[in-house]
Amino acid sequence: MKRFNPILAVLLVSTLSITCGQGVLRIARGDYDPLSIALSAIAAACLIWIIVLWMRADKDAKGK
């Protein structure tokens, strides 16, 4: 499997984190915009998926 460029990975994770955080802040303020809630949920799911893949790759690398 080809490895990701670390700069692009950091940009992706930071963008997803900002999107997720903005959605959480809007919900906390009482602004229940369905689009921001959906974008926040998608960003959170992508972040969890990236973290799981990263942990799995780290586990595989240590096992070899």
C-alpha atoms as a PDB file:
ATOM      1  CA  MET A   1       0.000   0.000   0.000  1.00  0.00           C
ATOM      2  CA  LYS A   2       1.324   3.433  -0.921  1.00  0.00           C
ATOM      3  CA  ARG A   3       1.958   5.714   2.043  1.00  0.00           C
ATOM      4  CA  PHE A   4       0.244   9.075   2.333  1.00  0.00           C
ATOM      5  CA  ASN A   5       2.072  12.350   2.121  1.00  0.00           C
ATOM      6  CA  PRO A   6       2.318  13.557   5.756  1.00  0.00           C
ATOM      7  CA  ILE A   7       1.576  17.176   4.865  1.00  0.00           C
ATOM      8  CA  LEU A   8      -1.624  16.205   3.073  1.00  0.00           C
ATOM      9  CA  ALA A   9      -2.605  13.943   5.955  1.00  0.00           C
ATOM     10  CA  VAL A  10      -2.187  16.791   8.460  1.00  0.00           C
ATOM     11  CA  LEU A  11      -4.222  19.133   6.257  1.00  0.00           C
ATOM     12  CA  LEU A  12      -6.999  16.559   5.913  1.00  0.00           C
ATOM     13  CA  VAL A  13      -7.191  15.814   9.628  1.00  0.00           C
ATOM     14  CA  SER A  14      -7.087  19.489  10.600  1.00  0.00           C
ATOM     15  CA  THR A  15      -9.813  20.376   8.096  1.00  0.00           C
ATOM     16  CA  LEU A  16     -12.029  17.581   9.374  1.00  0.00           C
ATOM     17  CA  SER A  17     -11.372  18.613  12.976  1.00  0.00           C
ATOM     18  CA  ILE A  18     -12.313  22.229  12.277  1.00  0.00           C
ATOM     19  CA  THR A  19     -15.488  21.159  10.454  1.00  0.00           C
ATOM     20  CA  CYS A  20     -16.486  18.861  13.291  1.00  0.00           C
ATOM     21  CA  GLY A  21     -15.738  21.508  15.914  1.00  0.00           C
ATOM     22  CA  GLN A  22     -17.758  24.171  14.124  1.00  0.00           C
ATOM     23  CA  GLY A  23     -20.752  21.843  13.958  1.00  0.00           C
ATOM     24  CA  VAL A  24     -20.494  21.064  17.657  1.00  0.00           C
ATOM     25  CA  LEU A  25     -20.295  24.773  18.515  1.00  0.00           C
ATOM     26  CA  ARG A  26     -23.347  25.551  16.372  1.00  0.00           C
ATOM     27  CA  ILE A  27     -25.334  22.798  18.080  1.00  0.00           C
ATOM     28  CA  ALA A  28     -24.191  24.070  21.496  1.00  0.00           C
ATOM     29  CA  ARG A  29     -25.429  27.579  20.603  1.00  0.00           C
ATOM     30  CA  GLY A  30     -28.823  26.176  19.671  1.00  0.00           C
ATOM     31  CA  ASP A  31     -28.470  26.613  15.902  1.00  0.00           C
ATOM     32  CA  TYR A  32     -29.873  23.322  14.639  1.00  0.00           C
ATOM     33  CA  ASP A  33     -29.054  23.736  10.961  1.00  0.00           C
ATOM     34  CA  PRO A  34     -29.455  20.266   9.394  1.00  0.00           C
ATOM     35  CA  LEU A  35     -26.615  20.827   6.933  1.00  0.00           C
ATOM     36  CA  SER A  36     -24.085  21.777   9.609  1.00  0.00           C
ATOM     37  CA  ILE A  37     -25.156  18.821  11.753  1.00  0.00           C
ATOM     38  CA  ALA A  38     -24.746  16.478   8.776  1.00  0.00           C
ATOM     39  CA  LEU A  39     -21.333  17.906   7.853  1.00  0.00           C
ATOM     40  CA  SER A  40     -20.200  17.661  11.467  1.00  0.00           C
ATOM     41  CA  ALA A  41     -21.309  14.032  11.687  1.00  0.00           C
ATOM     42  CA  ILE A  42     -19.577  13.139   8.412  1.00  0.00           C
ATOM     43  CA  ALA A  43     -16.380  14.874   9.539  1.00  0.00           C
ATOM     44  CA  ALA A  44     -16.468  13.043  12.886  1.00  0.00           C
ATOM     45  CA  ALA A  45     -17.008   9.700  11.148  1.00  0.00           C
ATOM     46  CA  CYS A  46     -14.092  10.369   8.793  1.00  0.00           C
ATOM     47  CA  LEU A  47     -11.830  11.311  11.712  1.00  0.00           C
ATOM     48  CA  ILE A  48     -12.736   8.125  13.581  1.00  0.00           C
ATOM     49  CA  TRP A  49     -12.108   6.082  10.426  1.00  0.00           C
ATOM     50  CA  ILE A  50      -8.691   7.717   9.907  1.00  0.00           C
ATOM     51  CA  ILE A  51      -7.722   7.104  13.541  1.00  0.00           C
ATOM     52  CA  VAL A  52      -8.767   3.443  13.333  1.00  0.00           C
ATOM     53  CA  LEU A  53      -6.789   2.950  10.107  1.00  0.00           C
ATOM     54  CA  TRP A  54      -3.771   4.679  11.642  1.00  0.00           C
ATOM     55  CA  MET A  55      -3.919   2.522  14.775  1.00  0.00           C
ATOM     56  CA  ARG A  56      -4.315  -0.626  12.683  1.00  0.00           C
ATOM     57  CA  ALA A  57      -1.336   0.315  10.485  1.00  0.00           C
ATOM     58  CA  ASP A  58       0.747   1.112  13.575  1.00  0.00           C
ATOM     59  CA  LYS A  59      -0.193  -2.240  15.103  1.00  0.00           C
ATOM     60  CA  ASP A  60       0.736  -4.073  11.885  1.00  0.00           C
ATOM     61  CA  ALA A  61       4.062  -2.219  11.661  1.00  0.00           C
ATOM     62  CA  LYS A  62       4.970  -3.148  15.245  1.00  0.00           C
ATOM     63  CA  GLY A  63       4.000  -6.769  14.646  1.00  0.00           C
ATOM     64  CA  LYS A  64       6.453  -7.201  11.755  1.00  0.00           C
END
